[in-house]
Amino acid sequence: MMKKLFALLFASFVVSAAVAQEAPDALVQRVTDDVLEIIRKDKDIQNGDTHKVIELVDKKVLPNFNFTHMTALALGKEWRKATPQQQQQVTAEFKTLLVRTYANALTGYKNQKVVYKPFKMAPTDTDVLVRTEVQQPGNKPVQLDYSLEKLDSGWKVYDVVVAGISLVSNYRDQFGQEVRNGGIDGLVASIAAKNKSLETGQKK
C-alpha cells in the first residue's frame, strides 16, 4: 500500500522552472492534477511500462526533491561520519532505489482521487507541511503529507508521510543496521545490490 501511494508522490511534482517559486500548496495541487491526467491517458504506463515511468521521474520529478537532505535525514548521525565521497555515493544510490521501487508501483495507478487539505503559511515560512488525502474506491482514504523547504531554487520536498509513516524515518532503522554491519561502504553496496535486483526485475 505504501509503495503504491508513494508512487503517487513522485508523480505529483512535475513543474517547470518558470513556476519554481509557486506557493507550495498550489504547486502540489496543480502538478498533481496535471500529472495524474497524463497517467490516465498514457496507454504505455497503464500497460506497465516501468521504463517510461522511470524516464518521466528522472526528467520531471527529481529536480523537485532535495535528495541530499532526505538521505542525511535517513542516515541520521551516521551522515556526519561519512566522507563527502561516501555521502555522494549513498545519495545517488538512495535516489535510484526510490525511483526504481516506485516507478513500478506507479503503473498500477487507476482511479484514486487526491483531496487537498486547507493550508496556511506565513510569508517568512521556509519549512511547511502540505497535507493531502488519497481516496481510493473500495478502500479507506489515506493521509499523504509532504514536507517542503524553501531554497534559492524554489520549494523542494525532503520528506513524505504516508498514513502517519515518515519516508526518511522508515529507512533510518534499516540504514542504521546496514551501517553497523558494514559501515557506509556496506550500506552503499547493499542499496546498489537492491537497485540491480529491481532493474533486473523491470527488464523481464
Protein backbone atom coordinates (compact mmCIF):
# COMPACT_ATOMS: atom_id res chain seq x y z
CA MET A 1 0.00 0.00 0.00
CA MET A 2 2.75 2.45 0.94
CA LYS A 3 4.63 1.74 -2.28
CA LYS A 4 1.57 2.40 -4.41
CA LEU A 5 0.78 5.61 -2.58
CA PHE A 6 4.35 6.82 -2.64
CA ALA A 7 4.36 6.33 -6.39
CA LEU A 8 1.66 8.98 -6.41
CA LEU A 9 4.08 11.24 -4.60
CA PHE A 10 6.66 11.00 -7.36
CA ALA A 11 4.06 11.71 -9.97
CA SER A 12 2.92 14.77 -8.08
CA PHE A 13 5.80 17.14 -8.68
CA VAL A 14 6.28 17.80 -12.38
CA VAL A 15 6.99 21.51 -12.56
CA SER A 16 8.94 23.85 -14.83
CA ALA A 17 11.49 26.41 -13.70
CA ALA A 18 9.03 29.15 -14.55
CA VAL A 19 6.82 28.20 -11.62
CA ALA A 20 9.57 27.20 -9.19
CA GLN A 21 8.59 29.97 -6.77
CA GLU A 22 4.93 28.98 -6.75
CA ALA A 23 3.39 28.57 -3.30
CA PRO A 24 3.95 25.01 -2.06
CA ASP A 25 0.28 24.07 -1.74
CA ALA A 26 -0.55 25.50 -5.17
CA LEU A 27 2.41 23.64 -6.62
CA VAL A 28 1.30 20.33 -5.15
CA GLN A 29 -2.28 20.68 -6.33
CA ARG A 30 -1.61 21.95 -9.83
CA VAL A 31 1.06 19.48 -10.79
CA THR A 32 -0.67 16.53 -9.13
CA ASP A 33 -3.81 17.14 -11.15
CA ASP A 34 -1.82 17.63 -14.35
CA VAL A 35 0.35 14.55 -13.95
CA LEU A 36 -2.44 12.20 -12.92
CA GLU A 37 -4.34 13.25 -16.01
CA ILE A 38 -1.32 12.35 -18.14
CA ILE A 39 -1.03 8.98 -16.44
CA ARG A 40 -4.69 8.22 -17.04
CA LYS A 41 -4.24 8.84 -20.77
CA ASP A 42 -0.86 7.14 -21.24
CA LYS A 43 -1.51 3.63 -22.53
CA ASP A 44 2.12 2.59 -22.14
CA ILE A 45 2.12 3.40 -18.44
CA GLN A 46 -1.26 1.76 -17.97
CA ASN A 47 0.15 -1.36 -19.61
CA GLY A 48 3.03 -1.49 -17.15
CA ASP A 49 5.86 0.27 -19.00
CA THR A 50 8.10 0.96 -15.98
CA HIS A 51 10.93 2.26 -18.14
CA LYS A 52 8.70 5.04 -19.43
CA VAL A 53 7.75 5.91 -15.87
CA ILE A 54 11.43 5.98 -14.85
CA GLU A 55 12.15 8.39 -17.70
CA LEU A 56 9.26 10.58 -16.54
CA VAL A 57 10.55 10.58 -12.97
CA ASP A 58 14.14 11.29 -13.97
CA LYS A 59 13.21 14.17 -16.25
CA LYS A 60 10.32 15.84 -14.47
CA VAL A 61 10.19 14.79 -10.84
CA LEU A 62 13.71 14.54 -9.42
CA PRO A 63 14.51 18.28 -9.71
CA ASN A 64 11.78 18.94 -7.14
CA PHE A 65 13.29 16.80 -4.38
CA ASN A 66 16.23 17.55 -2.12
CA PHE A 67 17.70 14.04 -2.09
CA THR A 68 20.80 15.14 -0.20
CA HIS A 69 18.66 16.36 2.68
CA MET A 70 16.46 13.26 2.51
CA THR A 71 19.48 10.98 2.61
CA ALA A 72 21.04 12.91 5.50
CA LEU A 73 17.83 12.57 7.48
CA ALA A 74 17.59 8.86 6.70
CA LEU A 75 21.16 8.28 7.86
CA GLY A 76 20.87 10.44 10.96
CA LYS A 77 24.12 10.78 12.93
CA GLU A 78 25.87 8.40 10.52
CA TRP A 79 25.70 11.06 7.80
CA ARG A 80 28.25 13.25 9.58
CA LYS A 81 30.64 10.32 9.85
CA ALA A 82 30.66 9.73 6.09
CA THR A 83 33.22 11.32 3.79
CA PRO A 84 31.96 13.72 1.08
CA GLN A 85 32.51 10.97 -1.49
CA GLN A 86 30.53 8.46 0.57
CA GLN A 87 27.75 10.99 1.03
CA GLN A 88 27.52 11.44 -2.74
CA GLN A 89 27.52 7.69 -3.33
CA VAL A 90 24.82 6.85 -0.81
CA THR A 91 22.66 9.76 -2.00
CA ALA A 92 22.91 8.59 -5.62
CA GLU A 93 22.04 5.00 -4.72
CA PHE A 94 19.17 6.04 -2.44
CA LYS A 95 17.71 8.21 -5.19
CA THR A 96 17.92 5.33 -7.66
CA LEU A 97 16.30 2.98 -5.15
CA LEU A 98 13.31 5.26 -4.67
CA VAL A 99 12.87 5.87 -8.38
CA ARG A 100 13.00 2.20 -9.37
CA THR A 101 10.87 0.98 -6.49
CA TYR A 102 8.00 3.37 -7.02
CA ALA A 103 8.11 3.67 -10.80
CA ASN A 104 6.84 0.11 -10.92
CA ALA A 105 4.02 0.90 -8.48
CA LEU A 106 3.04 4.00 -10.45
CA THR A 107 1.96 1.84 -13.38
CA GLY A 108 -0.81 0.50 -11.12
CA TYR A 109 -2.49 3.88 -10.72
CA LYS A 110 -6.18 3.67 -11.60
CA ASN A 111 -8.95 5.79 -10.11
CA GLN A 112 -7.51 7.33 -6.97
CA LYS A 113 -8.57 10.86 -6.13
CA VAL A 114 -6.48 13.42 -4.25
CA VAL A 115 -8.18 15.81 -1.83
CA TYR A 116 -6.17 18.85 -0.74
CA LYS A 117 -6.44 19.94 2.89
CA PRO A 118 -6.60 23.62 3.99
CA PHE A 119 -3.16 25.20 4.03
CA LYS A 120 -1.78 28.29 5.76
CA MET A 121 1.72 29.73 5.86
CA ALA A 122 3.36 32.99 6.84
CA PRO A 123 5.33 34.97 4.24
CA THR A 124 8.52 34.24 6.18
CA ASP A 125 7.99 30.46 6.41
CA THR A 126 10.72 28.37 4.81
CA ASP A 127 9.59 24.92 6.01
CA VAL A 128 6.00 23.79 5.53
CA LEU A 129 3.76 20.74 5.50
CA VAL A 130 1.23 20.29 2.70
CA ARG A 131 -1.49 17.82 3.65
CA THR A 132 -3.47 15.75 1.18
CA GLU A 133 -5.71 12.71 1.29
CA VAL A 134 -5.79 9.91 -1.26
CA GLN A 135 -9.27 8.49 -1.76
CA GLN A 136 -9.44 5.03 -3.29
CA PRO A 137 -12.58 3.25 -4.46
CA GLY A 138 -13.43 0.46 -2.02
CA ASN A 139 -10.73 1.43 0.49
CA LYS A 140 -10.29 3.87 3.34
CA PRO A 141 -8.69 7.21 2.45
CA VAL A 142 -5.01 7.55 3.25
CA GLN A 143 -3.29 10.67 4.53
CA LEU A 144 -0.37 11.71 2.31
CA ASP A 145 1.63 14.70 3.56
CA TYR A 146 4.62 16.49 2.04
CA SER A 147 7.38 18.31 3.93
CA LEU A 148 8.88 21.05 1.79
CA GLU A 149 11.68 23.53 2.35
CA LYS A 150 12.29 26.76 0.52
CA LEU A 151 15.68 27.02 -1.16
CA ASP A 152 17.09 29.59 -3.55
CA SER A 153 15.94 27.35 -6.40
CA GLY A 154 12.40 27.09 -5.06
CA TRP A 155 10.40 24.70 -2.86
CA LYS A 156 11.82 21.19 -2.54
CA VAL A 157 10.39 18.06 -0.95
CA TYR A 158 12.58 16.50 1.74
CA ASP A 159 10.19 14.04 3.40
CA VAL A 160 6.83 12.39 2.87
CA VAL A 161 4.47 10.97 5.46
CA VAL A 162 2.16 8.19 4.26
CA ALA A 163 -0.57 7.14 6.69
CA GLY A 164 1.49 8.53 9.54
CA ILE A 165 4.75 6.88 8.43
CA SER A 166 7.65 9.15 7.51
CA LEU A 167 9.66 8.06 4.49
CA VAL A 168 13.00 9.07 5.98
CA SER A 169 12.18 7.57 9.37
CA ASN A 170 11.08 4.37 7.67
CA TYR A 171 14.54 3.99 6.15
CA ARG A 172 16.50 5.24 9.17
CA ASP A 173 16.37 1.98 11.14
CA GLN A 174 17.21 -0.07 8.07
CA PHE A 175 20.13 2.15 7.09
CA GLY A 176 21.40 2.26 10.66
CA GLN A 177 21.56 -1.52 10.80
CA GLU A 178 23.39 -1.67 7.47
CA VAL A 179 25.96 0.87 8.67
CA ARG A 180 26.52 -1.04 11.91
CA ASN A 181 27.10 -4.22 9.93
CA GLY A 182 29.35 -2.90 7.17
CA GLY A 183 29.91 0.82 7.53
CA ILE A 184 28.87 3.44 4.97
CA ASP A 185 30.53 1.46 2.17
CA GLY A 186 28.49 -1.57 3.18
CA LEU A 187 25.30 0.50 3.04
CA VAL A 188 26.18 1.77 -0.44
CA ALA A 189 26.86 -1.79 -1.62
CA SER A 190 23.59 -3.04 -0.10
CA ILE A 191 21.47 -0.35 -1.78
CA ALA A 192 23.32 -0.86 -5.07
CA ALA A 193 22.51 -4.58 -4.92
CA LYS A 194 18.83 -3.80 -4.38
CA ASN A 195 18.88 -1.39 -7.31
CA LYS A 196 20.42 -4.04 -9.54
CA SER A 197 17.77 -6.54 -8.47
CA LEU A 198 14.98 -4.07 -9.20
CA GLU A 199 16.47 -3.21 -12.59
CA THR A 200 16.66 -6.90 -13.50
CA GLY A 201 13.06 -7.41 -12.47
CA GLN A 202 11.88 -4.49 -14.57
CA LYS A 203 13.63 -5.85 -17.64
CA LYS A 204 11.60 -9.05 -17.55
